Amino acid sequence: MSFGASVATETAPTPTATAAAALVAGEVKKVDKEAGKLTVKHGPLASLDMPAMTMVFRVKEPAMLDQVKPGDKINFAAERVNGQITVTRLEAAK
């Protein structure tokens, strides 16, 4: 019976990693498809303990760069992926 409890404990941390990166409002300033990067003026990124600023992000999927253009208002999530701050979720602001 302790085996079942062990399995539940091992699988529990997975959802919290995804939940940590909340969506943040931003404005696209530049799209660099060749480099796979996006420049965004954004509000505070609480999950990364960063204040509001304009910065360059890598994107998790290159197709994300086809969804936006400079001037677009977006909501996005960013996380550290292999030591680099990366946009992991992206959607048009409503």
PDB file of N, CA and C in Angstrom:
ATOM      1  N   MET A   1       0.809  -1.187   0.000  1.00  0.00           N
ATOM      2  CA  MET A   1       0.000   0.000   0.000  1.00  0.00           C
ATOM      3  C   MET A   1       0.856   1.256   0.000  1.00  0.00           C
ATOM      4  N   SER A   2       2.011   1.181   0.590  1.00  0.00           N
ATOM      5  CA  SER A   2       2.880   2.354   0.567  1.00  0.00           C
ATOM      6  C   SER A   2       3.355   2.645  -0.855  1.00  0.00           C
ATOM      7  N   PHE A   3       3.332   1.645  -1.731  1.00  0.00           N
ATOM      8  CA  PHE A   3       3.728   1.853  -3.122  1.00  0.00           C
ATOM      9  C   PHE A   3       2.816   2.881  -3.791  1.00  0.00           C
ATOM     10  N   GLY A   4       1.510   2.782  -3.575  1.00  0.00           N
ATOM     11  CA  GLY A   4       0.559   3.741  -4.155  1.00  0.00           C
ATOM     12  C   GLY A   4       0.821   5.150  -3.668  1.00  0.00           C
ATOM     13  N   ALA A   5       1.145   5.309  -2.400  1.00  0.00           N
ATOM     14  CA  ALA A   5       1.441   6.633  -1.855  1.00  0.00           C
ATOM     15  C   ALA A   5       2.719   7.181  -2.471  1.00  0.00           C
ATOM     16  N   SER A   6       3.684   6.299  -2.704  1.00  0.00           N
ATOM     17  CA  SER A   6       4.952   6.719  -3.299  1.00  0.00           C
ATOM     18  C   SER A   6       4.737   7.230  -4.721  1.00  0.00           C
ATOM     19  N   VAL A   7       3.919   6.542  -5.487  1.00  0.00           N
ATOM     20  CA  VAL A   7       3.640   6.956  -6.865  1.00  0.00           C
ATOM     21  C   VAL A   7       2.956   8.314  -6.871  1.00  0.00           C
ATOM     22  N   ALA A   8       1.994   8.527  -5.995  1.00  0.00           N
ATOM     23  CA  ALA A   8       1.290   9.808  -5.935  1.00  0.00           C
ATOM     24  C   ALA A   8       2.258  10.932  -5.591  1.00  0.00           C
ATOM     25  N   THR A   9       3.180  10.688  -4.692  1.00  0.00           N
ATOM     26  CA  THR A   9       4.152  11.702  -4.302  1.00  0.00           C
ATOM     27  C   THR A   9       5.078  12.039  -5.463  1.00  0.00           C
ATOM     28  N   GLU A  10       5.486  11.039  -6.225  1.00  0.00           N
ATOM     29  CA  GLU A  10       6.402  11.274  -7.337  1.00  0.00           C
ATOM     30  C   GLU A  10       5.753  12.056  -8.468  1.00  0.00           C
ATOM     31  N   THR A  11       4.472  11.880  -8.703  1.00  0.00           N
ATOM     32  CA  THR A  11       3.815  12.564  -9.814  1.00  0.00           C
ATOM     33  C   THR A  11       3.286  13.939  -9.431  1.00  0.00           C
ATOM     34  N   ALA A  12       3.180  14.258  -8.166  1.00  0.00           N
ATOM     35  CA  ALA A  12       2.604  15.527  -7.730  1.00  0.00           C
ATOM     36  C   ALA A  12       3.364  16.769  -8.207  1.00  0.00           C
ATOM     37  N   PRO A  13       4.698  16.812  -8.235  1.00  0.00           N
ATOM     38  CA  PRO A  13       5.388  18.047  -8.606  1.00  0.00           C
ATOM     39  C   PRO A  13       5.176  18.506 -10.050  1.00  0.00           C
ATOM     40  N   THR A  14       4.829  17.632 -10.955  1.00  0.00           N
ATOM     41  CA  THR A  14       4.705  18.003 -12.358  1.00  0.00           C
ATOM     42  C   THR A  14       3.720  19.150 -12.615  1.00  0.00           C
ATOM     43  N   PRO A  15       2.480  19.131 -12.116  1.00  0.00           N
ATOM     44  CA  PRO A  15       1.563  20.239 -12.403  1.00  0.00           C
ATOM     45  C   PRO A  15       2.031  21.579 -11.837  1.00  0.00           C
ATOM     46  N   THR A  16       2.727  21.596 -10.721  1.00  0.00           N
ATOM     47  CA  THR A  16       3.136  22.860 -10.125  1.00  0.00           C
ATOM     48  C   THR A  16       4.160  23.579 -10.985  1.00  0.00           C
ATOM     49  N   ALA A  17       4.979  22.860 -11.711  1.00  0.00           N
ATOM     50  CA  ALA A  17       5.961  23.503 -12.582  1.00  0.00           C
ATOM     51  C   ALA A  17       5.260  24.299 -13.674  1.00  0.00           C
ATOM     52  N   THR A  18       4.184  23.770 -14.239  1.00  0.00           N
ATOM     53  CA  THR A  18       3.459  24.478 -15.287  1.00  0.00           C
ATOM     54  C   THR A  18       2.657  25.626 -14.707  1.00  0.00           C
ATOM     55  N   ALA A  19       2.082  25.441 -13.545  1.00  0.00           N
ATOM     56  CA  ALA A  19       1.247  26.468 -12.943  1.00  0.00           C
ATOM     57  C   ALA A  19       2.056  27.682 -12.507  1.00  0.00           C
ATOM     58  N   ALA A  20       3.353  27.526 -12.317  1.00  0.00           N
ATOM     59  CA  ALA A  20       4.189  28.618 -11.820  1.00  0.00           C
ATOM     60  C   ALA A  20       4.274  29.783 -12.799  1.00  0.00           C
ATOM     61  N   ALA A  21       4.198  29.526 -14.088  1.00  0.00           N
ATOM     62  CA  ALA A  21       4.351  30.581 -15.084  1.00  0.00           C
ATOM     63  C   ALA A  21       2.980  31.111 -15.491  1.00  0.00           C
ATOM     64  N   ALA A  22       2.525  32.167 -14.816  1.00  0.00           N
ATOM     65  CA  ALA A  22       1.239  32.780 -15.131  1.00  0.00           C
ATOM     66  C   ALA A  22       1.369  33.651 -16.373  1.00  0.00           C
ATOM     67  N   LEU A  23       0.251  33.881 -17.052  1.00  0.00           N
ATOM     68  CA  LEU A  23       0.273  34.742 -18.234  1.00  0.00           C
ATOM     69  C   LEU A  23       0.490  36.195 -17.834  1.00  0.00           C
ATOM     70  N   VAL A  24       1.290  36.887 -18.628  1.00  0.00           N
ATOM     71  CA  VAL A  24       1.635  38.287 -18.398  1.00  0.00           C
ATOM     72  C   VAL A  24       1.306  39.060 -19.672  1.00  0.00           C
ATOM     73  N   ALA A  25       0.796  40.279 -19.511  1.00  0.00           N
ATOM     74  CA  ALA A  25       0.493  41.126 -20.665  1.00  0.00           C
ATOM     75  C   ALA A  25       1.774  41.733 -21.214  1.00  0.00           C
ATOM     76  N   GLY A  26       1.820  41.872 -22.533  1.00  0.00           N
ATOM     77  CA  GLY A  26       2.988  42.470 -23.161  1.00  0.00           C
ATOM     78  C   GLY A  26       2.655  43.032 -24.526  1.00  0.00           C
ATOM     79  N   GLU A  27       3.633  43.727 -25.108  1.00  0.00           N
ATOM     80  CA  GLU A  27       3.511  44.252 -26.466  1.00  0.00           C
ATOM     81  C   GLU A  27       4.742  43.824 -27.251  1.00  0.00           C
ATOM     82  N   VAL A  28       4.517  43.222 -28.411  1.00  0.00           N
ATOM     83  CA  VAL A  28       5.618  42.773 -29.262  1.00  0.00           C
ATOM     84  C   VAL A  28       6.314  43.994 -29.856  1.00  0.00           C
ATOM     85  N   LYS A  29       7.623  44.062 -29.692  1.00  0.00           N
ATOM     86  CA  LYS A  29       8.427  45.150 -30.241  1.00  0.00           C
ATOM     87  C   LYS A  29       9.191  44.706 -31.480  1.00  0.00           C
ATOM     88  N   LYS A  30       9.623  43.433 -31.508  1.00  0.00           N
ATOM     89  CA  LYS A  30      10.405  42.927 -32.636  1.00  0.00           C
ATOM     90  C   LYS A  30      10.253  41.416 -32.714  1.00  0.00           C
ATOM     91  N   VAL A  31      10.240  40.896 -33.943  1.00  0.00           N
ATOM     92  CA  VAL A  31      10.200  39.458 -34.188  1.00  0.00           C
ATOM     93  C   VAL A  31      11.435  39.108 -35.010  1.00  0.00           C
ATOM     94  N   ASP A  32      12.281  38.225 -34.496  1.00  0.00           N
ATOM     95  CA  ASP A  32      13.493  37.802 -35.201  1.00  0.00           C
ATOM     96  C   ASP A  32      13.389  36.300 -35.470  1.00  0.00           C
ATOM     97  N   LYS A  33      12.823  35.964 -36.630  1.00  0.00           N
ATOM     98  CA  LYS A  33      12.589  34.551 -36.956  1.00  0.00           C
ATOM     99  C   LYS A  33      13.893  33.784 -37.140  1.00  0.00           C
ATOM    100  N   GLU A  34      14.913  34.420 -37.716  1.00  0.00           N
ATOM    101  CA  GLU A  34      16.191  33.728 -37.930  1.00  0.00           C
ATOM    102  C   GLU A  34      16.829  33.298 -36.616  1.00  0.00           C
ATOM    103  N   ALA A  35      16.764  34.170 -35.605  1.00  0.00           N
ATOM    104  CA  ALA A  35      17.368  33.863 -34.308  1.00  0.00           C
ATOM    105  C   ALA A  35      16.410  33.119 -33.381  1.00  0.00           C
ATOM    106  N   GLY A  36      15.121  33.050 -33.751  1.00  0.00           N
ATOM    107  CA  GLY A  36      14.138  32.392 -32.898  1.00  0.00           C
ATOM    108  C   GLY A  36      13.848  33.187 -31.641  1.00  0.00           C
ATOM    109  N   LYS A  37      13.824  34.543 -31.797  1.00  0.00           N
ATOM    110  CA  LYS A  37      13.653  35.409 -30.629  1.00  0.00           C
ATOM    111  C   LYS A  37      12.544  36.427 -30.835  1.00  0.00           C
ATOM    112  N   LEU A  38      12.022  36.896 -29.707  1.00  0.00           N
ATOM    113  CA  LEU A  38      10.922  37.839 -29.666  1.00  0.00           C
ATOM    114  C   LEU A  38      11.264  38.925 -28.654  1.00  0.00           C
ATOM    115  N   THR A  39      11.169  40.196 -29.053  1.00  0.00           N
ATOM    116  CA  THR A  39      11.388  41.302 -28.122  1.00  0.00           C
ATOM    117  C   THR A  39      10.023  41.766 -27.645  1.00  0.00           C
ATOM    118  N   VAL A  40       9.833  41.812 -26.319  1.00  0.00           N
ATOM    119  CA  VAL A  40       8.534  42.128 -25.733  1.00  0.00           C
ATOM    120  C   VAL A  40       8.694  43.161 -24.620  1.00  0.00           C
ATOM    121  N   LYS A  41       7.830  44.180 -24.647  1.00  0.00           N
ATOM    122  CA  LYS A  41       7.700  45.109 -23.516  1.00  0.00           C
ATOM    123  C   LYS A  41       6.612  44.492 -22.643  1.00  0.00           C
ATOM    124  N   HIS A  42       6.964  44.149 -21.403  1.00  0.00           N
ATOM    125  CA  HIS A  42       6.041  43.367 -20.572  1.00  0.00           C
ATOM    126  C   HIS A  42       5.915  43.916 -19.163  1.00  0.00           C
ATOM    127  N   GLY A  43       4.860  43.452 -18.490  1.00  0.00           N
ATOM    128  CA  GLY A  43       4.667  43.740 -17.081  1.00  0.00           C
ATOM    129  C   GLY A  43       5.566  42.835 -16.257  1.00  0.00           C
ATOM    130  N   PRO A  44       5.473  42.927 -14.931  1.00  0.00           N
ATOM    131  CA  PRO A  44       6.312  42.100 -14.056  1.00  0.00           C
ATOM    132  C   PRO A  44       6.094  40.602 -14.298  1.00  0.00           C
ATOM    133  N   LEU A  45       7.200  39.866 -14.315  1.00  0.00           N
ATOM    134  CA  LEU A  45       7.155  38.407 -14.433  1.00  0.00           C
ATOM    135  C   LEU A  45       7.372  37.833 -13.037  1.00  0.00           C
ATOM    136  N   ALA A  46       6.284  37.651 -12.300  1.00  0.00           N
ATOM    137  CA  ALA A  46       6.372  37.204 -10.909  1.00  0.00           C
ATOM    138  C   ALA A  46       7.059  35.850 -10.786  1.00  0.00           C
ATOM    139  N   SER A  47       6.800  34.943 -11.715  1.00  0.00           N
ATOM    140  CA  SER A  47       7.377  33.600 -11.624  1.00  0.00           C
ATOM    141  C   SER A  47       8.897  33.613 -11.776  1.00  0.00           C
ATOM    142  N   LEU A  48       9.435  34.669 -12.402  1.00  0.00           N
ATOM    143  CA  LEU A  48      10.885  34.787 -12.584  1.00  0.00           C
ATOM    144  C   LEU A  48      11.471  35.904 -11.729  1.00  0.00           C
ATOM    145  N   ASP A  49      10.626  36.529 -10.901  1.00  0.00           N
ATOM    146  CA  ASP A  49      11.045  37.621 -10.019  1.00  0.00           C
ATOM    147  C   ASP A  49      11.705  38.757 -10.820  1.00  0.00           C
ATOM    148  N   MET A  50      11.047  39.161 -11.923  1.00  0.00           N
ATOM    149  CA  MET A  50      11.579  40.221 -12.778  1.00  0.00           C
ATOM    150  C   MET A  50      10.585  41.377 -12.845  1.00  0.00           C
ATOM    151  N   PRO A  51      11.080  42.612 -12.800  1.00  0.00           N
ATOM    152  CA  PRO A  51      10.189  43.768 -12.926  1.00  0.00           C
ATOM    153  C   PRO A  51       9.749  43.960 -14.381  1.00  0.00           C
ATOM    154  N   ALA A  52       8.833  44.889 -14.595  1.00  0.00           N
ATOM    155  CA  ALA A  52       8.412  45.246 -15.949  1.00  0.00           C
ATOM    156  C   ALA A  52       9.608  45.815 -16.703  1.00  0.00           C
ATOM    157  N   MET A  53       9.731  45.454 -17.981  1.00  0.00           N
ATOM    158  CA  MET A  53      10.832  45.942 -18.814  1.00  0.00           C
ATOM    159  C   MET A  53      10.598  45.503 -20.250  1.00  0.00           C
ATOM    160  N   THR A  54      11.508  45.884 -21.128  1.00  0.00           N
ATOM    161  CA  THR A  54      11.522  45.379 -22.497  1.00  0.00           C
ATOM    162  C   THR A  54      12.726  44.462 -22.608  1.00  0.00           C
ATOM    163  N   MET A  55      12.499  43.239 -23.076  1.00  0.00           N
ATOM    164  CA  MET A  55      13.607  42.295 -23.183  1.00  0.00           C
ATOM    165  C   MET A  55      13.395  41.311 -24.324  1.00  0.00           C
ATOM    166  N   VAL A  56      14.467  40.631 -24.674  1.00  0.00           N
ATOM    167  CA  VAL A  56      14.452  39.635 -25.743  1.00  0.00           C
ATOM    168  C   VAL A  56      14.290  38.250 -25.120  1.00  0.00           C
ATOM    169  N   PHE A  57      13.371  37.478 -25.684  1.00  0.00           N
ATOM    170  CA  PHE A  57      13.104  36.115 -25.225  1.00  0.00           C
ATOM    171  C   PHE A  57      13.349  35.131 -26.358  1.00  0.00           C
ATOM    172  N   ARG A  58      13.803  33.949 -26.024  1.00  0.00           N
ATOM    173  CA  ARG A  58      13.754  32.830 -26.965  1.00  0.00           C
ATOM    174  C   ARG A  58      12.302  32.354 -26.954  1.00  0.00           C
ATOM    175  N   VAL A  59      11.906  31.605 -27.975  1.00  0.00           N
ATOM    176  CA  VAL A  59      10.569  31.015 -27.991  1.00  0.00           C
ATOM    177  C   VAL A  59      10.694  29.497 -27.984  1.00  0.00           C
ATOM    178  N   LYS A  60       9.761  28.851 -27.303  1.00  0.00           N
ATOM    179  CA  LYS A  60       9.783  27.387 -27.188  1.00  0.00           C
ATOM    180  C   LYS A  60       9.592  26.736 -28.556  1.00  0.00           C
ATOM    181  N   GLU A  61       8.684  27.288 -29.352  1.00  0.00           N
ATOM    182  CA  GLU A  61       8.374  26.741 -30.674  1.00  0.00           C
ATOM    183  C   GLU A  61       8.535  27.836 -31.718  1.00  0.00           C
ATOM    184  N   PRO A  62       9.334  27.624 -32.768  1.00  0.00           N
ATOM    185  CA  PRO A  62       9.514  28.646 -33.810  1.00  0.00           C
ATOM    186  C   PRO A  62       8.199  29.129 -34.427  1.00  0.00           C
ATOM    187  N   ALA A  63       7.181  28.274 -34.481  1.00  0.00           N
ATOM    188  CA  ALA A  63       5.884  28.659 -35.054  1.00  0.00           C
ATOM    189  C   ALA A  63       5.232  29.808 -34.289  1.00  0.00           C
ATOM    190  N   MET A  64       5.603  30.002 -33.031  1.00  0.00           N
ATOM    191  CA  MET A  64       5.062  31.116 -32.244  1.00  0.00           C
ATOM    192  C   MET A  64       5.363  32.455 -32.919  1.00  0.00           C
ATOM    193  N   LEU A  65       6.504  32.545 -33.574  1.00  0.00           N
ATOM    194  CA  LEU A  65       6.913  33.800 -34.201  1.00  0.00           C
ATOM    195  C   LEU A  65       6.037  34.150 -35.401  1.00  0.00           C
ATOM    196  N   ASP A  66       5.366  33.163 -35.981  1.00  0.00           N
ATOM    197  CA  ASP A  66       4.462  33.411 -37.105  1.00  0.00           C
ATOM    198  C   ASP A  66       3.115  33.962 -36.641  1.00  0.00           C
ATOM    199  N   GLN A  67       2.840  33.896 -35.342  1.00  0.00           N
ATOM    200  CA  GLN A  67       1.549  34.321 -34.801  1.00  0.00           C
ATOM    201  C   GLN A  67       1.505  35.806 -34.465  1.00  0.00           C
ATOM    202  N   VAL A  68       2.662  36.472 -34.437  1.00  0.00           N
ATOM    203  CA  VAL A  68       2.705  37.857 -33.959  1.00  0.00           C
ATOM    204  C   VAL A  68       3.525  38.751 -34.878  1.00  0.00           C
ATOM    205  N   LYS A  69       3.304  40.069 -34.714  1.00  0.00           N
ATOM    206  CA  LYS A  69       4.087  41.069 -35.430  1.00  0.00           C
ATOM    207  C   LYS A  69       4.292  42.250 -34.489  1.00  0.00           C
ATOM    208  N   PRO A  70       5.280  43.108 -34.763  1.00  0.00           N
ATOM    209  CA  PRO A  70       5.501  44.274 -33.898  1.00  0.00           C
ATOM    210  C   PRO A  70       4.214  45.091 -33.730  1.00  0.00           C
ATOM    211  N   GLY A  71       3.963  45.494 -32.487  1.00  0.00           N
ATOM    212  CA  GLY A  71       2.764  46.260 -32.156  1.00  0.00           C
ATOM    213  C   GLY A  71       1.634  45.420 -31.601  1.00  0.00           C
ATOM    214  N   ASP A  72       1.688  44.096 -31.783  1.00  0.00           N
ATOM    215  CA  ASP A  72       0.637  43.217 -31.269  1.00  0.00           C
ATOM    216  C   ASP A  72       0.647  43.199 -29.746  1.00  0.00           C
ATOM    217  N   LYS A  73      -0.544  43.213 -29.153  1.00  0.00           N
ATOM    218  CA  LYS A  73      -0.706  43.040 -27.711  1.00  0.00           C
ATOM    219  C   LYS A  73      -0.875  41.542 -27.467  1.00  0.00           C
ATOM    220  N   ILE A  74      -0.108  41.024 -26.521  1.00  0.00           N
ATOM    221  CA  ILE A  74      -0.127  39.584 -26.258  1.00  0.00           C
ATOM    222  C   ILE A  74      -0.241  39.292 -24.765  1.00  0.00           C
ATOM    223  N   ASN A  75      -0.570  38.063 -24.470  1.00  0.00           N
ATOM    224  CA  ASN A  75      -0.448  37.487 -23.136  1.00  0.00           C
ATOM    225  C   ASN A  75       0.480  36.293 -23.306  1.00  0.00           C
ATOM    226  N   PHE A  76       1.465  36.180 -22.414  1.00  0.00           N
ATOM    227  CA  PHE A  76       2.445  35.109 -22.580  1.00  0.00           C
ATOM    228  C   PHE A  76       2.943  34.611 -21.234  1.00  0.00           C
ATOM    229  N   ALA A  77       3.530  33.428 -21.283  1.00  0.00           N
ATOM    230  CA  ALA A  77       4.185  32.854 -20.108  1.00  0.00           C
ATOM    231  C   ALA A  77       5.644  32.627 -20.473  1.00  0.00           C
ATOM    232  N   ALA A  78       6.532  32.896 -19.530  1.00  0.00           N
ATOM    233  CA  ALA A  78       7.962  32.681 -19.749  1.00  0.00           C
ATOM    234  C   ALA A  78       8.524  31.875 -18.590  1.00  0.00           C
ATOM    235  N   GLU A  79       9.445  30.988 -18.914  1.00  0.00           N
ATOM    236  CA  GLU A  79      10.105  30.142 -17.916  1.00  0.00           C
ATOM    237  C   GLU A  79      11.568  29.986 -18.294  1.00  0.00           C
ATOM    238  N   ARG A  80      12.373  29.569 -17.325  1.00  0.00           N
ATOM    239  CA  ARG A  80      13.771  29.241 -17.630  1.00  0.00           C
ATOM    240  C   ARG A  80      13.814  27.848 -18.249  1.00  0.00           C
ATOM    241  N   VAL A  81      14.343  27.777 -19.465  1.00  0.00           N
ATOM    242  CA  VAL A  81      14.494  26.508 -20.171  1.00  0.00           C
ATOM    243  C   VAL A  81      15.964  26.396 -20.543  1.00  0.00           C
ATOM    244  N   ASN A  82      16.632  25.397 -20.003  1.00  0.00           N
ATOM    245  CA  ASN A  82      18.075  25.219 -20.227  1.00  0.00           C
ATOM    246  C   ASN A  82      18.853  26.496 -19.917  1.00  0.00           C
ATOM    247  N   GLY A  83      18.457  27.181 -18.849  1.00  0.00           N
ATOM    248  CA  GLY A  83      19.170  28.376 -18.403  1.00  0.00           C
ATOM    249  C   GLY A  83      18.801  29.653 -19.126  1.00  0.00           C
ATOM    250  N   GLN A  84      17.907  29.589 -20.121  1.00  0.00           N
ATOM    251  CA  GLN A  84      17.526  30.788 -20.866  1.00  0.00           C
ATOM    252  C   GLN A  84      16.046  31.075 -20.668  1.00  0.00           C
ATOM    253  N   ILE A  85      15.722  32.359 -20.520  1.00  0.00           N
ATOM    254  CA  ILE A  85      14.325  32.737 -20.350  1.00  0.00           C
ATOM    255  C   ILE A  85      13.631  32.587 -21.700  1.00  0.00           C
ATOM    256  N   THR A  86      12.583  31.780 -21.698  1.00  0.00           N
ATOM    257  CA  THR A  86      11.932  31.354 -22.933  1.00  0.00           C
ATOM    258  C   THR A  86      10.424  31.534 -22.838  1.00  0.00           C
ATOM    259  N   VAL A  87       9.809  32.047 -23.913  1.00  0.00           N
ATOM    260  CA  VAL A  87       8.352  32.121 -23.996  1.00  0.00           C
ATOM    261  C   VAL A  87       7.849  30.701 -24.235  1.00  0.00           C
ATOM    262  N   THR A  88       7.026  30.220 -23.299  1.00  0.00           N
ATOM    263  CA  THR A  88       6.524  28.851 -23.385  1.00  0.00           C
ATOM    264  C   THR A  88       5.059  28.797 -23.794  1.00  0.00           C
ATOM    265  N   ARG A  89       4.378  29.938 -23.708  1.00  0.00           N
ATOM    266  CA  ARG A  89       2.967  30.022 -24.100  1.00  0.00           C
ATOM    267  C   ARG A  89       2.718  31.423 -24.619  1.00  0.00           C
ATOM    268  N   LEU A  90       1.928  31.545 -25.673  1.00  0.00           N
ATOM    269  CA  LEU A  90       1.706  32.835 -26.311  1.00  0.00           C
ATOM    270  C   LEU A  90       0.306  32.873 -26.889  1.00  0.00           C
ATOM    271  N   GLU A  91      -0.414  33.980 -26.622  1.00  0.00           N
ATOM    272  CA  GLU A  91      -1.740  34.150 -27.214  1.00  0.00           C
ATOM    273  C   GLU A  91      -2.006  35.633 -27.420  1.00  0.00           C
ATOM    274  N   ALA A  92      -2.881  35.950 -28.359  1.00  0.00           N
ATOM    275  CA  ALA A  92      -3.259  37.339 -28.609  1.00  0.00           C
ATOM    276  C   ALA A  92      -4.063  37.848 -27.417  1.00  0.00           C
ATOM    277  N   ALA A  93      -3.823  39.107 -27.039  1.00  0.00           N
ATOM    278  CA  ALA A  93      -4.584  39.702 -25.938  1.00  0.00           C
ATOM    279  C   ALA A  93      -6.013  39.934 -26.406  1.00  0.00           C
ATOM    280  N   LYS A  94      -6.955  39.758 -25.490  1.00  0.00           N
ATOM    281  CA  LYS A  94      -8.369  39.926 -25.850  1.00  0.00           C
ATOM    282  C   LYS A  94      -8.862  41.297 -25.497  1.00  0.00           C
TER     283      LYS A  94
END
